[in-house]
Amino acid sequence: MAKKRVFVLLIRSKSLGFGTIDAAMATIESAVADGPYVCGDQFTAADVPVGSFLDFSMQVGMFENNTTIEQYIARLKARPAYQRADQICKTRIERTKQD
């Protein structure tokens, strides 16, 4: 019984989202360091939650400055779709301030 539990813990400790924040950040950093996006050369749906989480986390100071992560976030923000969505958000925020 003990062997099975140790094996499960070893597998889990190598999974994204399990273990220490340092291990999780190292996994994310290695994913975005090799290609411009999480899954390589092409932007995918995986970049939306990962990029949003990292951008917010960096803005509020949850993590230390990390050049690789900052470059990844900059690539996401340079996308035309991001810029359109950001402008929509800013416009809506301004409207609520006027009400």
C-alpha atoms as a PDB file:
ATOM      1  CA  MET A   1       0.000   0.000   0.000  1.00  0.00           C
ATOM      2  CA  ALA A   2       2.790   2.465   0.830  1.00  0.00           C
ATOM      3  CA  LYS A   3       4.488   1.910  -2.553  1.00  0.00           C
ATOM      4  CA  LYS A   4       1.325   2.840  -4.436  1.00  0.00           C
ATOM      5  CA  ARG A   5       0.909   6.069  -2.470  1.00  0.00           C
ATOM      6  CA  VAL A   6       4.520   7.128  -3.057  1.00  0.00           C
ATOM      7  CA  PHE A   7       4.154   6.442  -6.780  1.00  0.00           C
ATOM      8  CA  VAL A   8       1.004   8.593  -6.980  1.00  0.00           C
ATOM      9  CA  LEU A   9       2.709  11.424  -5.111  1.00  0.00           C
ATOM     10  CA  LEU A  10       5.707  11.280  -7.453  1.00  0.00           C
ATOM     11  CA  ILE A  11       3.458  11.557 -10.500  1.00  0.00           C
ATOM     12  CA  ARG A  12       1.436  14.394  -8.995  1.00  0.00           C
ATOM     13  CA  SER A  13       4.518  16.328  -7.970  1.00  0.00           C
ATOM     14  CA  LYS A  14       5.567  16.491 -11.635  1.00  0.00           C
ATOM     15  CA  SER A  15       2.189  17.846 -12.805  1.00  0.00           C
ATOM     16  CA  LEU A  16       1.458  21.510 -13.454  1.00  0.00           C
ATOM     17  CA  GLY A  17      -0.536  22.926 -10.568  1.00  0.00           C
ATOM     18  CA  PHE A  18       0.687  20.468  -7.940  1.00  0.00           C
ATOM     19  CA  GLY A  19       3.534  21.089  -5.585  1.00  0.00           C
ATOM     20  CA  THR A  20       5.370  24.305  -4.889  1.00  0.00           C
ATOM     21  CA  ILE A  21       4.807  27.606  -6.642  1.00  0.00           C
ATOM     22  CA  ASP A  22       8.467  27.576  -7.664  1.00  0.00           C
ATOM     23  CA  ALA A  23       8.027  24.230  -9.412  1.00  0.00           C
ATOM     24  CA  ALA A  24       4.847  25.421 -11.127  1.00  0.00           C
ATOM     25  CA  MET A  25       6.504  28.642 -12.294  1.00  0.00           C
ATOM     26  CA  ALA A  26       9.510  26.709 -13.589  1.00  0.00           C
ATOM     27  CA  THR A  27       7.145  24.491 -15.595  1.00  0.00           C
ATOM     28  CA  ILE A  28       5.316  27.491 -17.052  1.00  0.00           C
ATOM     29  CA  GLU A  29       8.578  29.297 -17.768  1.00  0.00           C
ATOM     30  CA  SER A  30       9.978  26.306 -19.639  1.00  0.00           C
ATOM     31  CA  ALA A  31       6.769  26.068 -21.695  1.00  0.00           C
ATOM     32  CA  VAL A  32       6.875  29.689 -22.859  1.00  0.00           C
ATOM     33  CA  ALA A  33      10.656  29.903 -23.237  1.00  0.00           C
ATOM     34  CA  ASP A  34      10.795  27.414 -26.122  1.00  0.00           C
ATOM     35  CA  GLY A  35       8.114  28.956 -28.307  1.00  0.00           C
ATOM     36  CA  PRO A  36       6.324  32.218 -28.447  1.00  0.00           C
ATOM     37  CA  TYR A  37       3.271  30.572 -26.871  1.00  0.00           C
ATOM     38  CA  VAL A  38       2.461  27.784 -24.412  1.00  0.00           C
ATOM     39  CA  CYS A  39       1.954  25.166 -27.137  1.00  0.00           C
ATOM     40  CA  GLY A  40       4.750  26.382 -29.397  1.00  0.00           C
ATOM     41  CA  ASP A  41       4.526  28.567 -32.474  1.00  0.00           C
ATOM     42  CA  GLN A  42       0.768  28.996 -32.525  1.00  0.00           C
ATOM     43  CA  PHE A  43      -1.448  30.920 -30.112  1.00  0.00           C
ATOM     44  CA  THR A  44      -4.010  28.518 -28.597  1.00  0.00           C
ATOM     45  CA  ALA A  45      -6.793  28.588 -26.027  1.00  0.00           C
ATOM     46  CA  ALA A  46      -4.203  27.522 -23.447  1.00  0.00           C
ATOM     47  CA  ASP A  47      -2.579  30.946 -23.694  1.00  0.00           C
ATOM     48  CA  VAL A  48      -5.744  32.734 -22.546  1.00  0.00           C
ATOM     49  CA  PRO A  49      -5.931  31.495 -18.931  1.00  0.00           C
ATOM     50  CA  VAL A  50      -2.166  31.078 -18.539  1.00  0.00           C
ATOM     51  CA  GLY A  51      -1.450  34.550 -19.916  1.00  0.00           C
ATOM     52  CA  SER A  52      -4.252  36.175 -17.912  1.00  0.00           C
ATOM     53  CA  PHE A  53      -3.078  34.572 -14.686  1.00  0.00           C
ATOM     54  CA  LEU A  54       0.560  35.502 -15.258  1.00  0.00           C
ATOM     55  CA  ASP A  55      -0.242  39.077 -16.298  1.00  0.00           C
ATOM     56  CA  PHE A  56      -2.435  39.672 -13.253  1.00  0.00           C
ATOM     57  CA  SER A  57       0.034  37.968 -10.932  1.00  0.00           C
ATOM     58  CA  MET A  58       2.930  40.078 -12.185  1.00  0.00           C
ATOM     59  CA  GLN A  59       0.870  43.288 -11.915  1.00  0.00           C
ATOM     60  CA  VAL A  60      -0.012  42.690  -8.272  1.00  0.00           C
ATOM     61  CA  GLY A  61       3.484  41.505  -7.343  1.00  0.00           C
ATOM     62  CA  MET A  62       2.703  37.861  -6.611  1.00  0.00           C
ATOM     63  CA  PHE A  63       5.909  36.805  -8.364  1.00  0.00           C
ATOM     64  CA  GLU A  64       9.375  38.205  -8.741  1.00  0.00           C
ATOM     65  CA  ASN A  65      10.268  39.844 -12.034  1.00  0.00           C
ATOM     66  CA  ASN A  66      10.973  37.190 -14.615  1.00  0.00           C
ATOM     67  CA  THR A  67      12.246  38.190 -18.049  1.00  0.00           C
ATOM     68  CA  THR A  68      10.920  35.079 -19.786  1.00  0.00           C
ATOM     69  CA  ILE A  69       7.422  35.549 -18.359  1.00  0.00           C
ATOM     70  CA  GLU A  70       7.473  39.293 -19.048  1.00  0.00           C
ATOM     71  CA  GLN A  71       8.422  38.647 -22.683  1.00  0.00           C
ATOM     72  CA  TYR A  72       5.603  36.113 -22.988  1.00  0.00           C
ATOM     73  CA  ILE A  73       3.088  38.609 -21.606  1.00  0.00           C
ATOM     74  CA  ALA A  74       4.404  41.284 -23.983  1.00  0.00           C
ATOM     75  CA  ARG A  75       3.881  38.906 -26.939  1.00  0.00           C
ATOM     76  CA  LEU A  76       0.296  38.323 -25.842  1.00  0.00           C
ATOM     77  CA  LYS A  77      -0.370  42.045 -25.420  1.00  0.00           C
ATOM     78  CA  ALA A  78       1.039  42.746 -28.888  1.00  0.00           C
ATOM     79  CA  ARG A  79      -1.663  40.589 -30.493  1.00  0.00           C
ATOM     80  CA  PRO A  80      -4.377  42.641 -32.259  1.00  0.00           C
ATOM     81  CA  ALA A  81      -7.155  40.648 -30.551  1.00  0.00           C
ATOM     82  CA  TYR A  82      -5.721  41.500 -27.129  1.00  0.00           C
ATOM     83  CA  GLN A  83      -5.533  45.168 -28.024  1.00  0.00           C
ATOM     84  CA  ARG A  84      -9.162  45.199 -29.227  1.00  0.00           C
ATOM     85  CA  ALA A  85     -10.367  43.462 -26.066  1.00  0.00           C
ATOM     86  CA  ASP A  86      -8.324  45.802 -23.886  1.00  0.00           C
ATOM     87  CA  GLN A  87      -9.852  48.828 -25.606  1.00  0.00           C
ATOM     88  CA  ILE A  88     -13.369  47.446 -25.069  1.00  0.00           C
ATOM     89  CA  CYS A  89     -12.627  47.000 -21.347  1.00  0.00           C
ATOM     90  CA  LYS A  90     -11.211  50.511 -21.022  1.00  0.00           C
ATOM     91  CA  THR A  91     -14.244  51.997 -22.777  1.00  0.00           C
ATOM     92  CA  ARG A  92     -16.635  50.156 -20.470  1.00  0.00           C
ATOM     93  CA  ILE A  93     -14.702  51.250 -17.400  1.00  0.00           C
ATOM     94  CA  GLU A  94     -14.889  54.862 -18.529  1.00  0.00           C
ATOM     95  CA  ARG A  95     -18.650  54.562 -19.091  1.00  0.00           C
ATOM     96  CA  THR A  96     -19.174  53.269 -15.558  1.00  0.00           C
ATOM     97  CA  LYS A  97     -17.177  56.177 -14.155  1.00  0.00           C
ATOM     98  CA  GLN A  98     -19.515  58.613 -15.921  1.00  0.00           C
ATOM     99  CA  ASP A  99     -22.685  57.032 -14.493  1.00  0.00           C
END
